[in-house]
């Protein structure tokens, strides 16, 4: 890309020309210089020298908006840096994908090659449409989460009871050594599409996709069970996907800027590492919650030691009437989980 085209696109994307230093932004917005520096870094943007002209009128207005939100009591000043960090993290990934999409569109269109005006016009046309779609999706998610919080008024918004699940592809590391980039991209796209569809169908929420693994949360234990079992089943049926394994745990979860934390998350992760291909392991609490449902069979397993947990007692989740065709009452399962009766024996664990 030549320098003239780069400058033209920059003005379009930044909604104006670079004409202020950071200190000038602070002065015009009426905030402390150190505060603007802190926010800029939190957004994940490259640090600019005090005398470097890199900011636009839009940057000044953005700082003013944040300051107004703090002054109105809608945003805690102590949290503004954390909020900026969360926004920067999520939007930077979105922007990277959109930039790749845009340049692929330009590269695949011979009529645009080297035509500065046409490329600039294309970006000017596409950008508002992308903003509208993002705004629509954001509002829909905001409405859904707001409704959830209102219907769970007895729980604190940042700490609530949920099922946390991990699902990952078995043998992913080995696969990356024997396939090319295009093949790997196709597998990841197929897995992400499947996971997104199944989790959305059962009212779950994707917290994040980490390469070969998806982390999700769900309010209802039965929905969570369906998500994990369905992903295992559909992956097994799909010749283009490796088998998956899953681990889930239920309990209090700390939510922070779209991510989840706490011992429940750690337990779910440990259970995933123990699971064999095509199987789903659950913790004691979730096993008790699912034991009374006729659709599922839950079999307690022997306690095992994993990093951070000396006696983790998992249970295998299956659909009722499949494989062993054995059922357990809630009382029997509880006894096994508490170590009062002998749990079912299981084969040795899988390896990646």
Protein backbone atom coordinates (compact mmCIF):
# COMPACT_ATOMS: atom_id res chain seq x y z
CA UNK A 1 0.00 0.00 0.00
CA UNK A 2 1.43 3.38 -0.99
CA UNK A 3 1.82 6.16 1.55
CA UNK A 4 -0.90 8.39 0.08
CA UNK A 5 -3.50 5.62 0.26
CA UNK A 6 -2.43 4.73 3.81
CA UNK A 7 -2.94 8.34 4.94
CA UNK A 8 -6.33 8.52 3.19
CA UNK A 9 -7.58 5.34 4.86
CA UNK A 10 -6.21 6.44 8.22
CA UNK A 11 -8.24 9.65 8.10
CA UNK A 12 -11.36 7.66 7.24
CA UNK A 13 -10.86 5.08 9.98
CA UNK A 14 -9.81 7.58 12.66
CA UNK A 15 -12.63 9.94 11.71
CA UNK A 16 -10.27 12.83 11.26
CA UNK A 17 -6.71 13.97 10.91
CA UNK A 18 -4.02 13.43 13.55
CA UNK A 19 -3.35 16.89 15.00
CA UNK A 20 -2.90 16.72 18.78
CA UNK A 21 -0.27 15.47 21.21
CA UNK A 22 -1.32 13.56 24.31
CA UNK A 23 -0.79 16.64 26.47
CA UNK A 24 -2.98 18.67 24.14
CA UNK A 25 -5.71 16.03 24.37
CA UNK A 26 -5.56 16.21 28.16
CA UNK A 27 -5.78 20.01 28.08
CA UNK A 28 -8.70 20.11 25.64
CA UNK A 29 -10.60 17.37 27.48
CA UNK A 30 -9.92 18.93 30.86
CA UNK A 31 -8.40 15.83 32.47
CA UNK A 32 -5.02 15.10 34.02
CA UNK A 33 -2.27 14.12 31.54
CA UNK A 34 -1.36 10.99 33.51
CA UNK A 35 -4.96 9.86 33.34
CA UNK A 36 -5.04 10.07 29.55
CA UNK A 37 -1.76 8.14 29.39
CA UNK A 38 -3.14 5.45 31.68
CA UNK A 39 -6.32 5.07 29.62
CA UNK A 40 -4.41 4.96 26.35
CA UNK A 41 -2.20 2.15 27.60
CA UNK A 42 -5.17 0.25 29.03
CA UNK A 43 -6.85 0.32 25.63
CA UNK A 44 -3.88 -1.63 24.31
CA UNK A 45 -2.67 1.13 22.01
CA UNK A 46 0.97 1.92 21.39
CA UNK A 47 2.42 4.47 23.81
CA UNK A 48 2.95 7.88 22.23
CA UNK A 49 5.63 10.35 23.27
CA UNK A 50 4.38 13.57 24.85
CA UNK A 51 5.29 15.60 21.77
CA UNK A 52 4.09 13.09 19.18
CA UNK A 53 1.10 14.26 17.11
CA UNK A 54 -1.08 11.14 16.90
CA UNK A 55 -4.50 12.13 18.27
CA UNK A 56 -7.67 13.40 16.59
CA UNK A 57 -10.77 15.33 17.64
CA UNK A 58 -12.46 11.95 18.16
CA UNK A 59 -9.81 11.06 20.75
CA UNK A 60 -10.50 14.27 22.64
CA UNK A 61 -14.24 13.57 22.63
CA UNK A 62 -13.72 9.98 23.83
CA UNK A 63 -11.77 11.21 26.87
CA UNK A 64 -14.50 13.75 27.58
CA UNK A 65 -17.16 11.05 27.46
CA UNK A 66 -15.29 8.85 29.93
CA UNK A 67 -14.83 11.83 32.23
CA UNK A 68 -18.56 12.62 32.06
CA UNK A 69 -19.47 9.03 32.89
CA UNK A 70 -17.23 9.15 35.96
CA UNK A 71 -18.60 12.55 37.03
CA UNK A 72 -22.19 11.26 36.68
CA UNK A 73 -21.43 8.26 38.89
CA UNK A 74 -22.07 5.75 36.08
CA UNK A 75 -18.45 4.61 36.05
CA UNK A 76 -16.22 4.21 39.09
CA UNK A 77 -13.00 6.14 38.53
CA UNK A 78 -11.05 3.33 40.19
CA UNK A 79 -12.41 0.92 37.57
CA UNK A 80 -12.08 3.08 34.47
CA UNK A 81 -8.66 1.64 33.63
CA UNK A 82 -9.97 -1.92 33.97
CA UNK A 83 -12.97 -1.08 31.81
CA UNK A 84 -10.70 0.47 29.19
CA UNK A 85 -8.49 -2.64 29.25
CA UNK A 86 -11.49 -4.95 28.73
CA UNK A 87 -12.86 -2.83 25.88
CA UNK A 88 -9.46 -2.61 24.22
CA UNK A 89 -8.85 -6.36 24.50
CA UNK A 90 -12.15 -7.39 22.91
CA UNK A 91 -12.31 -4.70 20.25
CA UNK A 92 -8.71 -5.19 19.14
CA UNK A 93 -9.49 -8.79 18.19
CA UNK A 94 -12.61 -7.70 16.33
CA UNK A 95 -10.67 -4.97 14.51
CA UNK A 96 -7.91 -7.40 13.49
CA UNK A 97 -10.44 -9.76 11.93
CA UNK A 98 -12.25 -6.93 10.15
CA UNK A 99 -9.00 -5.52 8.76
CA UNK A 100 -8.08 -8.95 7.37
CA UNK A 101 -11.55 -9.20 5.85
CA UNK A 102 -11.29 -5.78 4.25
CA UNK A 103 -7.85 -6.33 2.74
CA UNK A 104 -8.91 -9.74 1.42
CA UNK A 105 -11.81 -8.02 -0.31
CA UNK A 106 -9.44 -5.50 -1.88
CA UNK A 107 -6.91 -8.15 -2.90
CA UNK A 108 -9.56 -10.36 -4.53
CA UNK A 109 -10.97 -7.52 -6.62
CA UNK A 110 -8.71 -6.71 -9.62
CA UNK A 111 -10.68 -3.51 -10.28
CA UNK A 112 -9.48 -2.09 -6.97
CA UNK A 113 -5.78 -2.81 -7.50
CA UNK A 114 -3.85 0.43 -7.11
CA UNK A 115 -6.99 2.58 -7.36
CA UNK A 116 -6.74 4.86 -4.33
CA UNK A 117 -10.09 6.54 -4.86
CA UNK A 118 -12.04 3.31 -5.28
CA UNK A 119 -10.46 1.71 -2.24
CA UNK A 120 -11.14 4.81 -0.15
CA UNK A 121 -14.73 4.90 -1.36
CA UNK A 122 -15.18 1.21 -0.53
CA UNK A 123 -13.93 1.74 3.03
CA UNK A 124 -16.21 4.76 3.45
CA UNK A 125 -19.18 2.66 2.36
CA UNK A 126 -18.36 -0.43 4.41
CA UNK A 127 -17.37 1.24 7.69
CA UNK A 128 -20.83 2.63 8.60
CA UNK A 129 -22.41 -0.74 7.82
CA UNK A 130 -19.96 -2.53 10.11
CA UNK A 131 -20.73 -0.01 12.86
CA UNK A 132 -24.48 -0.59 12.46
CA UNK A 133 -24.13 -4.36 12.67
CA UNK A 134 -21.87 -4.10 15.73
CA UNK A 135 -24.30 -1.73 17.42
CA UNK A 136 -27.23 -4.06 16.69
CA UNK A 137 -25.45 -7.15 18.06
CA UNK A 138 -24.23 -5.22 21.10
CA UNK A 139 -27.76 -4.03 21.91
CA UNK A 140 -29.20 -7.53 21.53
CA UNK A 141 -26.61 -9.00 23.90
CA UNK A 142 -27.05 -6.09 26.30
CA UNK A 143 -30.82 -6.71 26.36
CA UNK A 144 -30.32 -10.43 26.99
CA UNK A 145 -27.85 -9.93 29.84
CA UNK A 146 -29.93 -7.16 31.37
CA UNK A 147 -32.97 -9.44 31.37
CA UNK A 148 -30.93 -12.18 33.01
CA UNK A 149 -29.74 -9.88 35.79
CA UNK A 150 -33.27 -8.61 36.44
CA UNK A 151 -34.63 -12.15 36.74
CA UNK A 152 -31.80 -13.11 39.13
CA UNK A 153 -32.15 -10.14 41.47
CA UNK A 154 -31.22 -12.25 44.50
CA UNK A 155 -27.64 -12.69 43.22
CA UNK A 156 -24.85 -10.18 42.92
CA UNK A 157 -24.15 -9.35 39.24
CA UNK A 158 -20.43 -10.11 39.53
CA UNK A 159 -20.79 -13.31 41.57
CA UNK A 160 -23.46 -15.87 40.72
CA UNK A 161 -24.15 -19.59 40.55
CA UNK A 162 -23.47 -21.03 37.11
CA UNK A 163 -22.26 -24.13 35.32
CA UNK A 164 -18.82 -23.63 33.78
CA UNK A 165 -17.73 -25.90 30.96
CA UNK A 166 -14.63 -26.48 28.87
CA UNK A 167 -14.73 -28.43 25.61
CA UNK A 168 -11.56 -29.04 23.63
CA UNK A 169 -10.36 -31.04 20.66
CA UNK A 170 -8.34 -34.16 21.38
CA UNK A 171 -4.99 -34.47 19.67
CA UNK A 172 -4.93 -30.85 18.53
CA UNK A 173 -1.19 -30.42 19.15
CA UNK A 174 -0.36 -33.46 17.02
CA UNK A 175 -2.74 -32.29 14.32
CA UNK A 176 -1.00 -28.91 14.01
CA UNK A 177 2.22 -30.73 13.11
CA UNK A 178 0.74 -32.60 10.15
CA UNK A 179 -1.66 -30.15 8.48
CA UNK A 180 -1.03 -26.92 6.64
CA UNK A 181 -2.39 -23.51 7.64
CA UNK A 182 -5.42 -23.70 5.35
CA UNK A 183 -6.43 -27.11 6.72
CA UNK A 184 -5.92 -25.97 10.31
CA UNK A 185 -8.00 -22.84 9.68
CA UNK A 186 -10.81 -24.97 8.23
CA UNK A 187 -10.83 -27.27 11.29
CA UNK A 188 -10.89 -24.34 13.71
CA UNK A 189 -13.68 -22.64 11.76
CA UNK A 190 -15.71 -25.85 11.78
CA UNK A 191 -15.21 -26.35 15.52
CA UNK A 192 -16.01 -22.72 16.36
CA UNK A 193 -19.17 -22.82 14.23
CA UNK A 194 -20.35 -26.03 15.86
CA UNK A 195 -19.61 -24.78 19.37
CA UNK A 196 -21.27 -21.40 18.75
CA UNK A 197 -24.42 -23.00 17.33
CA UNK A 198 -24.84 -25.61 20.05
CA UNK A 199 -24.12 -23.24 22.94
CA UNK A 200 -26.53 -20.62 21.58
CA UNK A 201 -29.25 -23.23 21.03
CA UNK A 202 -29.12 -24.24 24.70
CA UNK A 203 -29.01 -20.70 26.12
CA UNK A 204 -25.34 -20.80 27.11
CA UNK A 205 -22.74 -18.07 26.68
CA UNK A 206 -19.30 -18.40 25.16
CA UNK A 207 -16.77 -16.75 27.43
CA UNK A 208 -13.89 -17.26 25.02
CA UNK A 209 -12.48 -19.47 22.33
CA UNK A 210 -8.86 -20.46 22.93
CA UNK A 211 -7.67 -22.14 19.76
CA UNK A 212 -8.81 -25.74 20.17
CA UNK A 213 -10.91 -25.05 23.28
CA UNK A 214 -14.13 -23.25 24.13
CA UNK A 215 -15.03 -21.98 27.60
CA UNK A 216 -18.76 -21.48 28.20
CA UNK A 217 -21.15 -20.79 31.06
CA UNK A 218 -24.78 -21.76 31.49
CA UNK A 219 -27.48 -21.05 34.07
CA UNK A 220 -29.31 -24.37 33.82
CA UNK A 221 -27.58 -27.71 34.54
CA UNK A 222 -29.68 -29.57 31.95
CA UNK A 223 -28.79 -27.04 29.26
CA UNK A 224 -25.13 -27.36 30.17
CA UNK A 225 -25.37 -31.16 29.96
CA UNK A 226 -26.95 -30.91 26.51
CA UNK A 227 -24.23 -28.57 25.30
CA UNK A 228 -21.39 -30.86 26.35
CA UNK A 229 -23.01 -34.11 25.22
CA UNK A 230 -24.18 -32.69 21.89
CA UNK A 231 -20.73 -31.28 21.11
CA UNK A 232 -19.16 -34.66 21.87
CA UNK A 233 -21.72 -36.47 19.70
CA UNK A 234 -21.58 -34.14 16.71
CA UNK A 235 -17.80 -34.03 16.74
CA UNK A 236 -17.70 -37.84 16.71
CA UNK A 237 -20.07 -37.88 13.73
CA UNK A 238 -18.06 -35.28 11.79
CA UNK A 239 -15.20 -36.90 9.87
CA UNK A 240 -13.49 -33.53 9.48
CA UNK A 241 -13.30 -32.85 13.23
CA UNK A 242 -11.27 -34.57 15.94
CA UNK A 243 -13.11 -36.00 18.93
CA UNK A 244 -13.65 -33.60 21.81
CA UNK A 245 -13.68 -34.00 25.58
CA UNK A 246 -15.45 -31.89 28.15
CA UNK A 247 -15.32 -30.99 31.83
CA UNK A 248 -18.00 -29.08 33.75
CA UNK A 249 -18.47 -27.81 37.30
CA UNK A 250 -21.23 -25.92 39.09
CA UNK A 251 -21.05 -23.27 41.78
CA UNK A 252 -20.33 -19.63 42.53
CA UNK A 253 -18.43 -17.89 39.75
CA UNK A 254 -16.83 -14.47 39.76
CA UNK A 255 -17.57 -12.57 36.57
CA UNK A 256 -15.16 -9.79 35.62
CA UNK A 257 -15.33 -7.85 32.35
CA UNK A 258 -16.71 -10.77 30.37
CA UNK A 259 -14.41 -13.43 31.82
CA UNK A 260 -15.02 -15.87 34.69
CA UNK A 261 -12.84 -16.79 37.65
CA UNK A 262 -12.84 -18.97 40.73
CA UNK A 263 -12.41 -22.54 41.90
CA UNK A 264 -15.37 -23.73 39.80
CA UNK A 265 -13.55 -22.62 36.64
CA UNK A 266 -10.36 -24.37 37.80
CA UNK A 267 -12.20 -27.60 38.57
CA UNK A 268 -13.91 -27.62 35.16
CA UNK A 269 -10.52 -27.17 33.49
CA UNK A 270 -8.95 -30.00 35.51
CA UNK A 271 -11.85 -32.32 34.67
CA UNK A 272 -11.39 -31.60 30.97
CA UNK A 273 -7.76 -32.67 31.19
CA UNK A 274 -8.88 -35.96 32.79
CA UNK A 275 -11.63 -36.77 30.30
CA UNK A 276 -11.20 -39.37 27.58
CA UNK A 277 -12.10 -38.63 23.94
CA UNK A 278 -15.83 -38.28 23.48
CA UNK A 279 -16.60 -38.18 27.21
CA UNK A 280 -17.91 -35.58 29.63
CA UNK A 281 -16.79 -35.34 33.25
CA UNK A 282 -18.64 -33.31 35.88
CA UNK A 283 -17.89 -32.32 39.47
CA UNK A 284 -19.78 -33.44 42.59
CA UNK A 285 -22.19 -30.53 42.66
CA UNK A 286 -23.24 -30.79 39.04
CA UNK A 287 -23.47 -34.58 39.30
CA UNK A 288 -25.98 -34.20 42.16
CA UNK A 289 -28.01 -31.67 40.17
CA UNK A 290 -28.18 -33.96 37.13
CA UNK A 291 -28.69 -37.26 38.97
CA UNK A 292 -32.42 -36.72 39.38
CA UNK A 293 -33.01 -36.12 35.66
CA UNK A 294 -34.18 -39.17 33.74
CA UNK A 295 -32.47 -38.07 30.52
CA UNK A 296 -29.00 -38.62 31.92
CA UNK A 297 -26.88 -41.24 33.59
CA UNK A 298 -24.20 -40.07 36.01
CA UNK A 299 -21.57 -42.50 37.27
CA UNK A 300 -19.18 -41.52 40.04
CA UNK A 301 -15.53 -42.33 39.58
CA UNK A 302 -12.65 -42.88 41.93
CA UNK A 303 -11.01 -39.83 43.44
CA UNK A 304 -7.92 -38.65 41.64
CA UNK A 305 -5.21 -36.07 42.25
CA UNK A 306 -4.65 -33.19 39.85
CA UNK A 307 -2.77 -29.93 40.13
CA UNK A 308 -4.31 -27.95 42.99
CA UNK A 309 -6.75 -30.68 44.05
CA UNK A 310 -5.55 -33.72 45.98
CA UNK A 311 -8.82 -35.71 45.86
CA UNK A 312 -10.94 -34.57 42.96
CA UNK A 313 -13.91 -36.94 42.58
CA UNK A 314 -15.39 -36.64 39.10
CA UNK A 315 -18.43 -38.32 37.60
CA UNK A 316 -19.03 -39.43 34.02
CA UNK A 317 -22.07 -37.92 32.32
CA UNK A 318 -23.88 -39.93 29.63
CA UNK A 319 -27.31 -39.99 28.10
CA UNK A 320 -29.65 -42.43 29.83
CA UNK A 321 -29.80 -45.90 28.32
CA UNK A 322 -26.52 -45.62 26.41
CA UNK A 323 -23.30 -47.63 26.74
CA UNK A 324 -23.45 -49.32 30.17
CA UNK A 325 -27.24 -48.88 30.43
CA UNK A 326 -26.87 -48.62 34.21
CA UNK A 327 -28.78 -46.00 36.16
CA UNK A 328 -28.16 -44.62 39.60
CA UNK A 329 -30.51 -43.07 42.07
CA UNK A 330 -29.64 -39.67 43.44
CA UNK A 331 -28.99 -41.26 46.84
CA UNK A 332 -26.60 -43.86 45.42
CA UNK A 333 -24.71 -41.25 43.45
CA UNK A 334 -24.41 -38.98 46.46
CA UNK A 335 -23.04 -41.88 48.49
CA UNK A 336 -20.41 -42.63 45.86
CA UNK A 337 -19.41 -38.99 45.57
CA UNK A 338 -18.99 -38.80 49.31
CA UNK A 339 -16.93 -41.99 49.31
CA UNK A 340 -19.54 -44.00 51.23
CA UNK A 341 -19.79 -46.68 48.55
CA UNK A 342 -17.48 -47.97 45.88
CA UNK A 343 -17.62 -46.00 42.61
CA UNK A 344 -17.78 -47.62 39.21
CA UNK A 345 -14.44 -48.59 37.73
CA UNK A 346 -13.32 -46.74 34.62
CA UNK A 347 -10.59 -47.40 32.04
CA UNK A 348 -7.36 -45.47 32.20
CA UNK A 349 -7.53 -41.87 31.10
CA UNK A 350 -6.87 -40.59 27.64
CA UNK A 351 -3.76 -38.75 26.57
CA UNK A 352 -3.59 -35.85 24.16
